[in-house]
């Protein structure tokens, strides 16, 4: 088992510092959809104040995607810059490296 890299540690710190409010919202949406029997959620980024044509928003979005992937979710951005959505799915969760 190798130690977490500095880059991974930085990304986790960044996500938890800069992206907390977005993550709380994303988690709420994931729970809502999961309870409804769905396996994915699409979250409009602009509606959350994330304009991915803008550097800081883009950085936050990329960090969130990386973080979600580290948790085993499939995650990507769809659509163009103005109508971009964060797609998150858990139809076939990737095996976790360590058991939580």
Protein backbone atom coordinates (compact mmCIF):
# COMPACT_ATOMS: atom_id res chain seq x y z
CA UNK A 1 0.00 0.00 0.00
CA UNK A 2 1.68 3.21 -1.14
CA UNK A 3 1.38 6.48 0.71
CA UNK A 4 -0.87 9.25 -0.62
CA UNK A 5 1.02 11.61 -2.93
CA UNK A 6 1.45 15.31 -2.19
CA UNK A 7 -0.70 16.08 -5.25
CA UNK A 8 -3.51 13.85 -3.96
CA UNK A 9 -3.23 15.39 -0.49
CA UNK A 10 -3.34 18.90 -1.98
CA UNK A 11 -6.41 17.99 -4.03
CA UNK A 12 -8.20 16.65 -0.94
CA UNK A 13 -7.30 19.79 1.05
CA UNK A 14 -8.45 22.00 -1.83
CA UNK A 15 -11.71 20.10 -2.23
CA UNK A 16 -12.49 20.30 1.47
CA UNK A 17 -11.52 23.96 1.75
CA UNK A 18 -12.81 25.49 -1.50
CA UNK A 19 -15.50 23.03 -2.53
CA UNK A 20 -17.26 22.15 0.74
CA UNK A 21 -20.56 23.89 -0.04
CA UNK A 22 -20.66 22.32 -3.52
CA UNK A 23 -19.88 18.87 -2.12
CA UNK A 24 -22.66 19.13 0.46
CA UNK A 25 -25.09 20.01 -2.32
CA UNK A 26 -23.79 17.21 -4.58
CA UNK A 27 -24.11 14.70 -1.75
CA UNK A 28 -27.71 15.83 -1.11
CA UNK A 29 -28.50 15.35 -4.81
CA UNK A 30 -26.82 11.92 -4.90
CA UNK A 31 -28.81 10.78 -1.85
CA UNK A 32 -32.05 12.13 -3.33
CA UNK A 33 -31.54 10.24 -6.60
CA UNK A 34 -30.29 7.07 -4.90
CA UNK A 35 -33.38 7.01 -2.63
CA UNK A 36 -35.54 7.41 -5.74
CA UNK A 37 -33.90 4.29 -7.18
CA UNK A 38 -31.76 6.12 -9.71
CA UNK A 39 -28.09 5.52 -10.42
CA UNK A 40 -27.01 8.94 -11.63
CA UNK A 41 -27.50 12.64 -11.20
CA UNK A 42 -26.89 15.64 -13.44
CA UNK A 43 -26.16 18.91 -11.68
CA UNK A 44 -26.22 22.16 -13.64
CA UNK A 45 -22.98 23.95 -12.82
CA UNK A 46 -24.02 27.50 -13.71
CA UNK A 47 -27.02 27.20 -11.37
CA UNK A 48 -24.52 26.51 -8.58
CA UNK A 49 -22.44 29.57 -9.46
CA UNK A 50 -19.78 27.54 -11.25
CA UNK A 51 -18.98 29.06 -14.62
CA UNK A 52 -16.42 26.64 -16.06
CA UNK A 53 -15.18 29.19 -18.59
CA UNK A 54 -13.79 31.01 -15.55
CA UNK A 55 -10.48 29.69 -14.15
CA UNK A 56 -11.34 29.33 -10.47
CA UNK A 57 -14.67 27.63 -11.21
CA UNK A 58 -12.96 25.30 -13.67
CA UNK A 59 -10.33 24.39 -11.07
CA UNK A 60 -13.03 23.71 -8.45
CA UNK A 61 -15.02 21.58 -10.92
CA UNK A 62 -11.96 19.51 -11.89
CA UNK A 63 -11.08 19.04 -8.21
CA UNK A 64 -14.64 17.89 -7.42
CA UNK A 65 -14.57 15.40 -10.31
CA UNK A 66 -11.23 14.01 -9.12
CA UNK A 67 -12.55 13.72 -5.59
CA UNK A 68 -15.76 11.97 -6.67
CA UNK A 69 -13.71 9.54 -8.79
CA UNK A 70 -11.47 8.81 -5.79
CA UNK A 71 -14.66 7.75 -3.98
CA UNK A 72 -15.53 5.36 -6.81
CA UNK A 73 -18.10 7.45 -8.67
CA UNK A 74 -18.06 7.91 -12.42
CA UNK A 75 -17.95 11.65 -12.90
CA UNK A 76 -17.61 14.00 -15.87
CA UNK A 77 -18.68 17.33 -17.31
CA UNK A 78 -21.22 17.29 -20.12
CA UNK A 79 -22.49 19.97 -22.44
CA UNK A 80 -20.88 23.22 -23.47
CA UNK A 81 -19.57 25.93 -21.18
CA UNK A 82 -22.88 27.75 -20.80
CA UNK A 83 -25.00 24.68 -20.11
CA UNK A 84 -22.38 22.48 -18.51
CA UNK A 85 -23.56 19.85 -16.08
CA UNK A 86 -21.69 17.69 -13.63
CA UNK A 87 -22.65 14.08 -14.31
CA UNK A 88 -22.23 11.65 -11.45
CA UNK A 89 -23.13 7.99 -11.64
CA UNK A 90 -22.74 4.97 -9.42
CA UNK A 91 -24.24 2.30 -11.65
CA UNK A 92 -21.17 0.07 -11.20
CA UNK A 93 -19.10 1.53 -8.41
CA UNK A 94 -15.41 0.91 -8.88
CA UNK A 95 -13.96 -1.31 -6.20
CA UNK A 96 -12.58 0.70 -3.31
CA UNK A 97 -8.86 0.18 -2.68
CA UNK A 98 -9.36 0.00 1.07
CA UNK A 99 -12.50 -0.98 2.93
CA UNK A 100 -14.06 2.03 4.61
